[in-house]
């Protein structure tokens, strides 16, 4: 009960700038829950960055900003951008996205990731991702990485954007902003993909 009360107070604090009251499963509430979970992980280990985390809300349409750079110390979103989901995760007739941790599924995998070192791949510079949960434990084996794609627009739009083979891919300009943060971090950044 105490944890729920703290979470509700936290939700109110983080989103006090929003003009509308958050709905039960609103983007604001989903983000607040993920922030709480990520803070538990970073507080438990010195190998994770305690100031910055990345959050990707797959419950938001792909044409809208849903990749957020978040300051865990000041409790604020400091940047946002568009991000793909996998071809295999495309909405079915129910309107729900599908997620999978299975190789060759072309699906996005939900869960917390540790952002690893950069390398040069098919799209240029990219970052290896290590799944920290059962739902994304095969990320490294599946070659799920954070990379850029020139076909992804820089600004929000109506309708869907390009899809990936399961990787979180972003616009080139947004990728450069992410790369600056990742490359200047002395510890691994946590990225949470949720729905």
N, C-alpha and C. Protein backbone atom coordinates (compact mmCIF):
# COMPACT_ATOMS: atom_id res chain seq x y z
N UNK A 1 0.83 -1.19 0.00
CA UNK A 1 0.00 0.00 0.00
C UNK A 1 0.87 1.26 0.00
N UNK A 2 1.97 1.21 0.78
CA UNK A 2 2.88 2.36 0.86
C UNK A 2 3.53 2.63 -0.49
N UNK A 3 3.93 1.54 -1.21
CA UNK A 3 4.55 1.69 -2.52
C UNK A 3 3.56 2.33 -3.50
N UNK A 4 2.28 1.89 -3.45
CA UNK A 4 1.26 2.45 -4.33
C UNK A 4 1.06 3.94 -4.04
N UNK A 5 1.04 4.31 -2.77
CA UNK A 5 0.87 5.71 -2.40
C UNK A 5 2.04 6.55 -2.90
N UNK A 6 3.26 6.03 -2.73
CA UNK A 6 4.45 6.73 -3.20
C UNK A 6 4.38 6.90 -4.72
N UNK A 7 3.96 5.83 -5.42
CA UNK A 7 3.86 5.88 -6.87
C UNK A 7 2.83 6.92 -7.31
N UNK A 8 1.69 6.97 -6.64
CA UNK A 8 0.66 7.94 -6.99
C UNK A 8 1.15 9.37 -6.76
N UNK A 9 1.85 9.59 -5.66
CA UNK A 9 2.42 10.92 -5.38
C UNK A 9 3.45 11.26 -6.45
N UNK A 10 4.27 10.25 -6.81
CA UNK A 10 5.30 10.44 -7.83
C UNK A 10 4.67 10.79 -9.17
N UNK A 11 3.61 10.07 -9.55
CA UNK A 11 2.91 10.35 -10.80
C UNK A 11 2.42 11.79 -10.80
N UNK A 12 1.83 12.22 -9.69
CA UNK A 12 1.34 13.59 -9.58
C UNK A 12 2.46 14.60 -9.69
N UNK A 13 3.60 14.29 -9.08
CA UNK A 13 4.75 15.20 -9.12
C UNK A 13 5.33 15.31 -10.52
N UNK A 14 5.57 14.16 -11.15
CA UNK A 14 6.21 14.15 -12.46
C UNK A 14 5.34 14.82 -13.51
N UNK A 15 4.02 14.61 -13.40
CA UNK A 15 3.15 15.09 -14.46
C UNK A 15 2.27 16.26 -14.02
N UNK A 16 2.73 17.02 -13.02
CA UNK A 16 1.95 18.17 -12.56
C UNK A 16 1.82 19.23 -13.63
N UNK A 17 2.71 19.20 -14.64
CA UNK A 17 2.63 20.16 -15.73
C UNK A 17 1.60 19.81 -16.79
N UNK A 18 1.02 18.59 -16.75
CA UNK A 18 0.03 18.21 -17.74
C UNK A 18 -1.30 18.85 -17.40
N UNK A 19 -2.00 19.35 -18.42
CA UNK A 19 -3.26 20.06 -18.19
C UNK A 19 -4.41 19.12 -17.90
N UNK A 20 -4.35 17.89 -18.43
CA UNK A 20 -5.44 16.95 -18.20
C UNK A 20 -5.02 15.92 -17.15
N UNK A 21 -5.99 15.45 -16.40
CA UNK A 21 -5.73 14.41 -15.40
C UNK A 21 -5.42 13.10 -16.13
N UNK A 22 -4.32 12.41 -15.79
CA UNK A 22 -3.97 11.18 -16.49
C UNK A 22 -5.05 10.11 -16.31
N UNK A 23 -5.35 9.39 -17.40
CA UNK A 23 -6.26 8.26 -17.30
C UNK A 23 -5.51 7.10 -16.68
N UNK A 24 -6.24 6.04 -16.33
CA UNK A 24 -5.65 4.89 -15.64
C UNK A 24 -4.48 4.29 -16.41
N UNK A 25 -4.60 4.14 -17.75
CA UNK A 25 -3.53 3.54 -18.53
C UNK A 25 -2.98 4.57 -19.53
N UNK A 26 -2.91 5.81 -19.12
CA UNK A 26 -2.40 6.86 -20.00
C UNK A 26 -0.89 6.75 -20.14
N UNK A 27 -0.38 7.45 -21.16
CA UNK A 27 1.07 7.46 -21.38
C UNK A 27 1.81 7.96 -20.15
N UNK A 28 1.23 8.93 -19.45
CA UNK A 28 1.87 9.49 -18.26
C UNK A 28 2.00 8.45 -17.15
N UNK A 29 0.93 7.68 -16.96
CA UNK A 29 0.96 6.65 -15.91
C UNK A 29 1.91 5.52 -16.29
N UNK A 30 1.87 5.11 -17.57
CA UNK A 30 2.79 4.04 -18.03
C UNK A 30 4.23 4.47 -17.81
N UNK A 31 4.56 5.72 -18.16
CA UNK A 31 5.92 6.21 -18.00
C UNK A 31 6.30 6.26 -16.53
N UNK A 32 5.42 6.74 -15.68
CA UNK A 32 5.72 6.83 -14.24
C UNK A 32 6.04 5.46 -13.65
N UNK A 33 5.30 4.44 -14.07
CA UNK A 33 5.55 3.08 -13.58
C UNK A 33 6.93 2.61 -14.04
N UNK A 34 7.27 2.87 -15.30
CA UNK A 34 8.58 2.45 -15.83
C UNK A 34 9.73 3.20 -15.15
N UNK A 35 9.54 4.48 -14.89
CA UNK A 35 10.57 5.26 -14.18
C UNK A 35 10.83 4.63 -12.82
N UNK A 36 9.78 4.30 -12.12
CA UNK A 36 9.90 3.67 -10.80
C UNK A 36 10.69 2.36 -10.90
N UNK A 37 10.37 1.53 -11.91
CA UNK A 37 11.06 0.24 -12.09
C UNK A 37 12.53 0.43 -12.47
N UNK A 38 12.81 1.37 -13.35
CA UNK A 38 14.19 1.61 -13.78
C UNK A 38 15.02 2.17 -12.62
N UNK A 39 14.43 3.05 -11.83
CA UNK A 39 15.17 3.59 -10.67
C UNK A 39 15.57 2.48 -9.70
N UNK A 40 14.74 1.47 -9.54
CA UNK A 40 15.09 0.33 -8.68
C UNK A 40 16.32 -0.39 -9.23
N UNK A 41 16.37 -0.56 -10.55
CA UNK A 41 17.50 -1.26 -11.18
C UNK A 41 18.78 -0.44 -11.06
N UNK A 42 18.73 0.85 -11.39
CA UNK A 42 19.95 1.66 -11.36
C UNK A 42 20.45 1.89 -9.94
N UNK A 43 19.53 1.95 -8.99
CA UNK A 43 19.94 2.14 -7.60
C UNK A 43 20.61 0.89 -7.02
N UNK A 44 20.32 -0.27 -7.62
CA UNK A 44 20.85 -1.53 -7.11
C UNK A 44 22.23 -1.88 -7.66
N UNK A 45 22.71 -1.15 -8.67
CA UNK A 45 23.99 -1.50 -9.28
C UNK A 45 24.76 -0.26 -9.72
N UNK A 46 26.05 -0.26 -9.45
CA UNK A 46 26.90 0.88 -9.83
C UNK A 46 27.24 0.86 -11.32
N UNK A 47 26.90 -0.22 -12.03
CA UNK A 47 27.25 -0.27 -13.44
C UNK A 47 26.28 0.48 -14.34
N UNK A 48 25.17 0.99 -13.76
CA UNK A 48 24.17 1.70 -14.55
C UNK A 48 24.16 3.20 -14.25
N UNK A 49 23.89 3.97 -15.29
CA UNK A 49 23.82 5.42 -15.19
C UNK A 49 22.63 5.80 -14.30
N UNK A 50 22.89 6.60 -13.28
CA UNK A 50 21.86 6.98 -12.32
C UNK A 50 21.19 8.31 -12.66
N UNK A 51 21.62 8.93 -13.74
CA UNK A 51 21.07 10.24 -14.10
C UNK A 51 20.16 10.20 -15.32
N UNK A 52 20.55 9.40 -16.34
CA UNK A 52 19.81 9.37 -17.60
C UNK A 52 19.30 7.96 -17.89
N UNK A 53 18.07 7.88 -18.40
CA UNK A 53 17.51 6.62 -18.88
C UNK A 53 16.70 6.91 -20.14
N UNK A 54 16.50 5.88 -20.95
CA UNK A 54 15.70 5.99 -22.16
C UNK A 54 14.41 5.20 -21.97
N UNK A 55 13.31 5.75 -22.43
CA UNK A 55 12.01 5.08 -22.32
C UNK A 55 11.32 5.10 -23.68
N UNK A 56 10.81 3.94 -24.09
CA UNK A 56 10.09 3.81 -25.37
C UNK A 56 8.72 3.24 -25.07
N UNK A 57 7.69 4.04 -25.35
CA UNK A 57 6.31 3.65 -25.08
C UNK A 57 5.65 3.16 -26.35
N UNK A 58 5.54 1.84 -26.51
CA UNK A 58 4.93 1.25 -27.69
C UNK A 58 3.41 1.41 -27.70
N UNK A 59 2.85 1.96 -26.64
CA UNK A 59 1.42 2.25 -26.60
C UNK A 59 1.07 3.54 -27.34
N UNK A 60 2.09 4.29 -27.75
CA UNK A 60 1.91 5.52 -28.52
C UNK A 60 2.11 5.18 -29.99
N UNK A 61 1.30 5.76 -30.87
CA UNK A 61 1.42 5.52 -32.31
C UNK A 61 2.83 5.86 -32.80
N UNK A 62 3.31 5.12 -33.80
CA UNK A 62 4.70 5.28 -34.26
C UNK A 62 4.97 6.63 -34.91
N UNK A 63 3.93 7.33 -35.38
CA UNK A 63 4.14 8.65 -35.98
C UNK A 63 4.28 9.77 -34.97
N UNK A 64 4.16 9.44 -33.70
CA UNK A 64 4.30 10.42 -32.62
C UNK A 64 5.54 10.12 -31.79
N UNK A 65 6.07 11.14 -31.14
CA UNK A 65 7.25 10.93 -30.29
C UNK A 65 6.91 9.90 -29.21
N UNK A 66 7.72 8.86 -29.14
CA UNK A 66 7.52 7.83 -28.11
C UNK A 66 8.84 7.29 -27.56
N UNK A 67 9.95 7.86 -28.01
CA UNK A 67 11.27 7.54 -27.44
C UNK A 67 11.68 8.77 -26.64
N UNK A 68 11.79 8.58 -25.32
CA UNK A 68 12.06 9.71 -24.43
C UNK A 68 13.39 9.56 -23.72
N UNK A 69 14.17 10.65 -23.72
CA UNK A 69 15.38 10.74 -22.90
C UNK A 69 14.93 11.38 -21.60
N UNK A 70 15.22 10.71 -20.50
CA UNK A 70 14.67 11.15 -19.21
C UNK A 70 15.79 11.38 -18.20
N UNK A 71 15.70 12.49 -17.48
CA UNK A 71 16.65 12.80 -16.41
C UNK A 71 16.09 12.24 -15.11
N UNK A 72 16.72 11.21 -14.58
CA UNK A 72 16.24 10.55 -13.36
C UNK A 72 16.44 11.39 -12.12
N UNK A 73 17.33 12.37 -12.18
CA UNK A 73 17.60 13.24 -11.02
C UNK A 73 16.58 14.38 -10.93
N UNK A 74 16.30 15.01 -12.06
CA UNK A 74 15.37 16.15 -12.06
C UNK A 74 13.94 15.72 -12.37
N UNK A 75 13.76 14.43 -12.69
CA UNK A 75 12.44 13.88 -13.03
C UNK A 75 11.76 14.65 -14.15
N UNK A 76 12.48 14.73 -15.29
CA UNK A 76 11.87 15.40 -16.44
C UNK A 76 12.33 14.77 -17.75
N UNK A 77 11.44 14.82 -18.73
CA UNK A 77 11.78 14.41 -20.09
C UNK A 77 12.61 15.54 -20.69
N UNK A 78 13.79 15.19 -21.22
CA UNK A 78 14.65 16.23 -21.78
C UNK A 78 14.70 16.20 -23.31
N UNK A 79 14.18 15.14 -23.92
CA UNK A 79 14.13 15.08 -25.38
C UNK A 79 13.20 13.94 -25.78
N UNK A 80 12.67 14.03 -27.00
CA UNK A 80 11.79 12.99 -27.51
C UNK A 80 11.95 12.83 -29.01
N UNK A 81 11.68 11.63 -29.50
CA UNK A 81 11.80 11.37 -30.92
C UNK A 81 10.95 10.20 -31.37
N UNK A 82 10.91 10.00 -32.67
CA UNK A 82 10.19 8.88 -33.25
C UNK A 82 11.07 7.62 -33.18
N UNK A 83 10.42 6.47 -33.08
CA UNK A 83 11.14 5.20 -33.05
C UNK A 83 10.28 4.11 -33.67
N UNK A 84 10.93 3.20 -34.35
CA UNK A 84 10.23 2.10 -35.02
C UNK A 84 9.81 1.01 -34.05
N UNK A 85 8.89 0.17 -34.53
CA UNK A 85 8.70 -1.16 -33.93
C UNK A 85 8.90 -2.17 -35.05
N UNK A 86 9.00 -3.43 -34.69
CA UNK A 86 9.29 -4.45 -35.68
C UNK A 86 8.11 -4.75 -36.60
N UNK A 87 8.43 -5.21 -37.83
CA UNK A 87 7.39 -5.64 -38.77
C UNK A 87 6.48 -6.69 -38.12
N UNK A 88 7.08 -7.59 -37.36
CA UNK A 88 6.32 -8.66 -36.72
C UNK A 88 5.40 -8.19 -35.62
N UNK A 89 5.60 -6.97 -35.14
CA UNK A 89 4.77 -6.43 -34.06
C UNK A 89 3.56 -5.66 -34.58
N UNK A 90 3.41 -5.57 -35.90
CA UNK A 90 2.32 -4.77 -36.48
C UNK A 90 0.97 -5.16 -35.90
N UNK A 91 0.09 -4.20 -35.76
CA UNK A 91 -1.23 -4.43 -35.18
C UNK A 91 -2.01 -5.48 -35.97
N UNK A 92 -2.68 -6.32 -35.25
CA UNK A 92 -3.58 -7.29 -35.85
C UNK A 92 -5.00 -6.72 -35.80
N UNK A 93 -5.99 -7.53 -36.12
CA UNK A 93 -7.37 -7.04 -36.18
C UNK A 93 -7.85 -6.52 -34.82
N UNK A 94 -7.25 -7.00 -33.75
CA UNK A 94 -7.65 -6.55 -32.40
C UNK A 94 -7.16 -5.13 -32.11
N UNK A 95 -6.23 -4.63 -32.93
CA UNK A 95 -5.69 -3.30 -32.69
C UNK A 95 -4.50 -3.30 -31.74
N UNK A 96 -4.13 -4.45 -31.23
CA UNK A 96 -3.01 -4.57 -30.29
C UNK A 96 -1.72 -4.91 -31.03
N UNK A 97 -0.61 -4.36 -30.56
CA UNK A 97 0.70 -4.76 -31.08
C UNK A 97 1.06 -6.12 -30.50
N UNK A 98 1.91 -6.84 -31.22
CA UNK A 98 2.38 -8.16 -30.78
C UNK A 98 3.87 -8.02 -30.47
N UNK A 99 4.32 -8.66 -29.41
CA UNK A 99 5.73 -8.60 -29.00
C UNK A 99 6.27 -10.01 -28.81
N UNK A 100 7.54 -10.20 -29.12
CA UNK A 100 8.12 -11.54 -29.00
C UNK A 100 9.62 -11.43 -28.73
N UNK A 101 10.14 -12.46 -28.08
CA UNK A 101 11.56 -12.58 -27.78
C UNK A 101 12.18 -13.68 -28.65
N UNK A 102 11.42 -14.18 -29.62
CA UNK A 102 11.83 -15.32 -30.44
C UNK A 102 12.61 -14.86 -31.66
N UNK A 103 13.68 -15.57 -31.98
CA UNK A 103 14.49 -15.26 -33.16
C UNK A 103 13.64 -15.34 -34.42
N UNK A 104 13.93 -14.48 -35.38
CA UNK A 104 13.25 -14.42 -36.68
C UNK A 104 11.78 -14.03 -36.60
N UNK A 105 11.31 -13.55 -35.45
CA UNK A 105 9.92 -13.12 -35.33
C UNK A 105 9.71 -11.72 -35.91
N UNK A 106 10.80 -10.97 -36.08
CA UNK A 106 10.77 -9.58 -36.53
C UNK A 106 9.96 -8.69 -35.59
N UNK A 107 9.81 -9.15 -34.35
CA UNK A 107 9.03 -8.42 -33.36
C UNK A 107 9.92 -7.59 -32.45
N UNK A 108 9.34 -6.53 -31.92
CA UNK A 108 9.94 -5.79 -30.83
C UNK A 108 9.80 -6.64 -29.57
N UNK A 109 10.77 -6.57 -28.69
CA UNK A 109 10.70 -7.25 -27.39
C UNK A 109 10.57 -6.21 -26.30
N UNK A 110 9.60 -6.42 -25.43
CA UNK A 110 9.41 -5.52 -24.29
C UNK A 110 10.42 -5.83 -23.20
N UNK A 111 10.71 -4.85 -22.35
CA UNK A 111 11.58 -5.07 -21.20
C UNK A 111 12.67 -4.02 -21.09
N UNK A 112 13.49 -4.20 -20.07
CA UNK A 112 14.60 -3.28 -19.81
C UNK A 112 15.86 -3.81 -20.51
N UNK A 113 16.60 -2.89 -21.10
CA UNK A 113 17.84 -3.21 -21.81
C UNK A 113 18.98 -2.41 -21.22
N UNK A 114 20.17 -2.95 -21.31
CA UNK A 114 21.38 -2.21 -21.02
C UNK A 114 21.99 -1.84 -22.37
N UNK A 115 22.24 -0.55 -22.59
CA UNK A 115 22.81 -0.09 -23.85
C UNK A 115 24.32 -0.32 -23.79
N UNK A 116 24.81 -1.11 -24.73
CA UNK A 116 26.22 -1.49 -24.73
C UNK A 116 27.07 -0.60 -25.63
N UNK A 117 28.19 -1.13 -26.05
CA UNK A 117 29.16 -0.38 -26.86
C UNK A 117 28.68 -0.23 -28.30
N UNK A 118 29.23 0.78 -28.95
CA UNK A 118 28.88 1.03 -30.35
C UNK A 118 29.72 0.14 -31.26
N UNK A 119 29.23 -0.04 -32.48
CA UNK A 119 29.95 -0.78 -33.51
C UNK A 119 29.45 -0.24 -34.85
N UNK A 120 30.12 -0.60 -35.94
CA UNK A 120 29.68 -0.18 -37.27
C UNK A 120 28.92 -1.32 -37.91
N UNK A 121 27.65 -1.08 -38.23
CA UNK A 121 26.80 -2.10 -38.83
C UNK A 121 26.24 -1.63 -40.15
N UNK A 122 25.17 -2.28 -40.60
CA UNK A 122 24.56 -1.97 -41.90
C UNK A 122 24.07 -0.52 -42.00
N UNK A 123 23.68 0.05 -40.86
CA UNK A 123 23.16 1.42 -40.85
C UNK A 123 24.20 2.41 -40.32
N UNK A 124 25.46 2.00 -40.27
CA UNK A 124 26.50 2.85 -39.70
C UNK A 124 26.65 2.56 -38.21
N UNK A 125 26.95 3.58 -37.46
CA UNK A 125 27.14 3.41 -36.02
C UNK A 125 25.85 2.92 -35.38
N UNK A 126 25.98 1.94 -34.50
CA UNK A 126 24.82 1.38 -33.78
C UNK A 126 25.30 0.94 -32.41
N UNK A 127 24.35 0.66 -31.51
CA UNK A 127 24.69 0.24 -30.15
C UNK A 127 24.08 -1.12 -29.84
N UNK A 128 24.92 -2.00 -29.32
CA UNK A 128 24.45 -3.32 -28.90
C UNK A 128 23.49 -3.16 -27.72
N UNK A 129 22.48 -4.02 -27.68
CA UNK A 129 21.51 -4.00 -26.59
C UNK A 129 21.49 -5.35 -25.90
N UNK A 130 21.47 -5.32 -24.58
CA UNK A 130 21.45 -6.53 -23.76
C UNK A 130 20.16 -6.56 -22.96
N UNK A 131 19.32 -7.56 -23.23
CA UNK A 131 18.05 -7.68 -22.53
C UNK A 131 18.26 -8.08 -21.08
N UNK A 132 17.56 -7.42 -20.18
CA UNK A 132 17.69 -7.68 -18.75
C UNK A 132 16.50 -8.44 -18.17
N UNK A 133 15.50 -8.71 -19.01
CA UNK A 133 14.29 -9.39 -18.54
C UNK A 133 14.05 -10.66 -19.35
N UNK A 134 13.15 -11.51 -18.87
CA UNK A 134 12.80 -12.73 -19.59
C UNK A 134 12.18 -12.41 -20.95
N UNK A 135 11.51 -11.29 -21.03
CA UNK A 135 10.82 -10.91 -22.26
C UNK A 135 11.74 -10.40 -23.36
N UNK A 136 13.02 -10.13 -23.02
CA UNK A 136 13.96 -9.64 -24.04
C UNK A 136 15.36 -10.26 -23.88
N UNK A 137 15.42 -11.40 -23.23
CA UNK A 137 16.70 -12.05 -22.93
C UNK A 137 17.47 -12.48 -24.17
N UNK A 138 16.80 -12.59 -25.32
CA UNK A 138 17.47 -13.00 -26.57
C UNK A 138 17.89 -11.82 -27.44
N UNK A 139 17.80 -10.61 -26.92
CA UNK A 139 18.07 -9.41 -27.72
C UNK A 139 19.45 -9.46 -28.39
N UNK A 140 20.47 -9.78 -27.63
CA UNK A 140 21.83 -9.80 -28.19
C UNK A 140 21.93 -10.88 -29.27
N UNK A 141 21.40 -12.06 -28.98
CA UNK A 141 21.44 -13.18 -29.93
C UNK A 141 20.64 -12.86 -31.19
N UNK A 142 19.56 -12.09 -31.05
CA UNK A 142 18.71 -11.72 -32.19
C UNK A 142 19.27 -10.52 -32.96
N UNK A 143 20.39 -9.96 -32.51
CA UNK A 143 20.97 -8.76 -33.11
C UNK A 143 20.03 -7.56 -33.05
N UNK A 144 19.33 -7.44 -31.92
CA UNK A 144 18.48 -6.27 -31.67
C UNK A 144 19.40 -5.17 -31.16
N UNK A 145 19.48 -4.08 -31.92
CA UNK A 145 20.40 -3.00 -31.60
C UNK A 145 19.68 -1.65 -31.75
N UNK A 146 20.28 -0.63 -31.19
CA UNK A 146 19.79 0.75 -31.36
C UNK A 146 20.54 1.35 -32.54
N UNK A 147 19.79 1.71 -33.60
CA UNK A 147 20.44 2.27 -34.79
C UNK A 147 19.59 3.36 -35.41
N UNK A 148 20.15 4.02 -36.41
CA UNK A 148 19.45 5.09 -37.13
C UNK A 148 18.96 4.57 -38.47
N UNK A 149 17.95 5.26 -39.02
CA UNK A 149 17.45 4.96 -40.36
C UNK A 149 17.11 6.29 -41.03
N UNK A 150 17.64 6.50 -42.22
CA UNK A 150 17.42 7.76 -42.93
C UNK A 150 15.96 7.95 -43.33
N UNK A 151 15.19 6.87 -43.42
CA UNK A 151 13.79 6.98 -43.85
C UNK A 151 12.84 7.39 -42.72
N UNK A 152 13.35 7.51 -41.50
CA UNK A 152 12.51 7.92 -40.38
C UNK A 152 12.51 9.45 -40.30
N UNK A 153 11.31 10.05 -40.29
CA UNK A 153 11.26 11.52 -40.23
C UNK A 153 11.73 12.07 -38.89
N UNK A 154 12.04 13.36 -38.89
CA UNK A 154 12.51 14.04 -37.69
C UNK A 154 11.35 14.55 -36.84
N UNK A 155 10.23 14.85 -37.50
CA UNK A 155 9.08 15.45 -36.80
C UNK A 155 7.90 14.48 -36.75
N UNK A 156 7.02 14.74 -35.79
CA UNK A 156 5.82 13.92 -35.67
C UNK A 156 4.95 14.06 -36.91
N UNK A 157 4.17 13.02 -37.18
CA UNK A 157 3.29 13.00 -38.34
C UNK A 157 2.07 12.14 -38.03
N UNK A 158 1.07 12.27 -38.87
CA UNK A 158 -0.08 11.38 -38.76
C UNK A 158 0.25 10.10 -39.51
N UNK A 159 -0.16 8.98 -38.95
CA UNK A 159 0.12 7.70 -39.59
C UNK A 159 1.42 7.09 -39.12
N UNK A 160 1.67 5.90 -39.60
CA UNK A 160 2.84 5.11 -39.18
C UNK A 160 4.11 5.57 -39.87
N UNK A 161 5.23 5.23 -39.24
CA UNK A 161 6.54 5.44 -39.85
C UNK A 161 7.10 4.09 -40.27
N UNK A 162 8.27 4.10 -40.84
CA UNK A 162 9.00 2.89 -41.23
C UNK A 162 9.04 1.88 -40.09
N UNK A 163 9.13 0.61 -40.42
CA UNK A 163 9.28 -0.44 -39.41
C UNK A 163 10.67 -1.05 -39.52
N UNK A 164 11.04 -1.82 -38.51
CA UNK A 164 12.37 -2.44 -38.48
C UNK A 164 12.22 -3.95 -38.37
N UNK A 165 13.33 -4.64 -38.24
CA UNK A 165 13.31 -6.09 -38.02
C UNK A 165 13.23 -6.42 -36.54
N UNK A 166 12.79 -5.47 -35.74
CA UNK A 166 12.66 -5.67 -34.30
C UNK A 166 13.50 -4.70 -33.49
N UNK A 167 14.38 -3.97 -34.17
CA UNK A 167 15.27 -3.02 -33.50
C UNK A 167 14.54 -1.69 -33.25
N UNK A 168 14.92 -1.00 -32.17
CA UNK A 168 14.47 0.38 -32.01
C UNK A 168 15.36 1.27 -32.89
N UNK A 169 14.81 1.71 -34.02
CA UNK A 169 15.56 2.56 -34.94
C UNK A 169 14.96 3.96 -34.91
N UNK A 170 15.82 4.96 -35.00
CA UNK A 170 15.41 6.36 -34.86
C UNK A 170 15.94 7.20 -36.02
N UNK A 171 15.46 8.41 -36.11
CA UNK A 171 15.91 9.40 -37.08
C UNK A 171 17.40 9.69 -36.88
N UNK A 172 18.08 10.05 -37.95
CA UNK A 172 19.53 10.29 -37.87
C UNK A 172 19.89 11.41 -36.90
N UNK A 173 19.13 12.50 -36.90
CA UNK A 173 19.44 13.61 -35.99
C UNK A 173 19.22 13.22 -34.54
N UNK A 174 18.14 12.51 -34.30
CA UNK A 174 17.86 12.06 -32.93
C UNK A 174 18.93 11.07 -32.48
N UNK A 175 19.35 10.21 -33.40
CA UNK A 175 20.41 9.24 -33.09
C UNK A 175 21.68 9.96 -32.64
N UNK A 176 22.03 11.05 -33.31
CA UNK A 176 23.24 11.80 -32.93
C UNK A 176 23.13 12.34 -31.51
N UNK A 177 21.94 12.79 -31.14
CA UNK A 177 21.74 13.29 -29.77
C UNK A 177 21.86 12.14 -28.77
N UNK A 178 21.30 10.99 -29.12
CA UNK A 178 21.43 9.81 -28.25
C UNK A 178 22.89 9.37 -28.14
N UNK A 179 23.58 9.35 -29.28
CA UNK A 179 24.98 8.90 -29.30
C UNK A 179 25.86 9.79 -28.43
N UNK A 180 25.61 11.08 -28.44
CA UNK A 180 26.39 12.00 -27.59
C UNK A 180 26.22 11.63 -26.12
N UNK A 181 24.99 11.35 -25.73
CA UNK A 181 24.71 10.98 -24.33
C UNK A 181 25.36 9.63 -24.00
N UNK A 182 25.17 8.64 -24.87
CA UNK A 182 25.70 7.30 -24.61
C UNK A 182 27.23 7.33 -24.54
N UNK A 183 27.85 7.98 -25.52
CA UNK A 183 29.32 8.00 -25.60
C UNK A 183 29.96 8.76 -24.44
N UNK A 184 29.23 9.70 -23.86
CA UNK A 184 29.78 10.48 -22.73
C UNK A 184 29.41 9.91 -21.37
N UNK A 185 28.71 8.80 -21.37
CA UNK A 185 28.31 8.18 -20.10
C UNK A 185 29.41 7.23 -19.63
N UNK A 186 29.74 7.30 -18.34
CA UNK A 186 30.75 6.41 -17.77
C UNK A 186 30.16 5.08 -17.32
N UNK A 187 28.84 4.96 -17.42
CA UNK A 187 28.17 3.72 -17.03
C UNK A 187 27.06 3.43 -18.03
N UNK A 188 26.61 2.19 -18.06
CA UNK A 188 25.60 1.78 -19.05
C UNK A 188 24.26 2.45 -18.77
N UNK A 189 23.62 2.90 -19.84
CA UNK A 189 22.31 3.52 -19.75
C UNK A 189 21.25 2.43 -19.88
N UNK A 190 20.21 2.53 -19.07
CA UNK A 190 19.09 1.60 -19.14
C UNK A 190 18.06 2.16 -20.12
N UNK A 191 17.57 1.29 -21.00
CA UNK A 191 16.49 1.64 -21.90
C UNK A 191 15.33 0.69 -21.63
N UNK A 192 14.14 1.25 -21.43
CA UNK A 192 12.96 0.43 -21.17
C UNK A 192 11.99 0.55 -22.34
N UNK A 193 11.61 -0.59 -22.91
CA UNK A 193 10.58 -0.62 -23.95
C UNK A 193 9.35 -1.25 -23.31
N UNK A 194 8.22 -0.56 -23.35
CA UNK A 194 7.03 -1.01 -22.64
C UNK A 194 5.78 -0.72 -23.45
N UNK A 195 4.64 -1.26 -22.97
CA UNK A 195 3.38 -1.14 -23.72
C UNK A 195 2.24 -0.93 -22.75
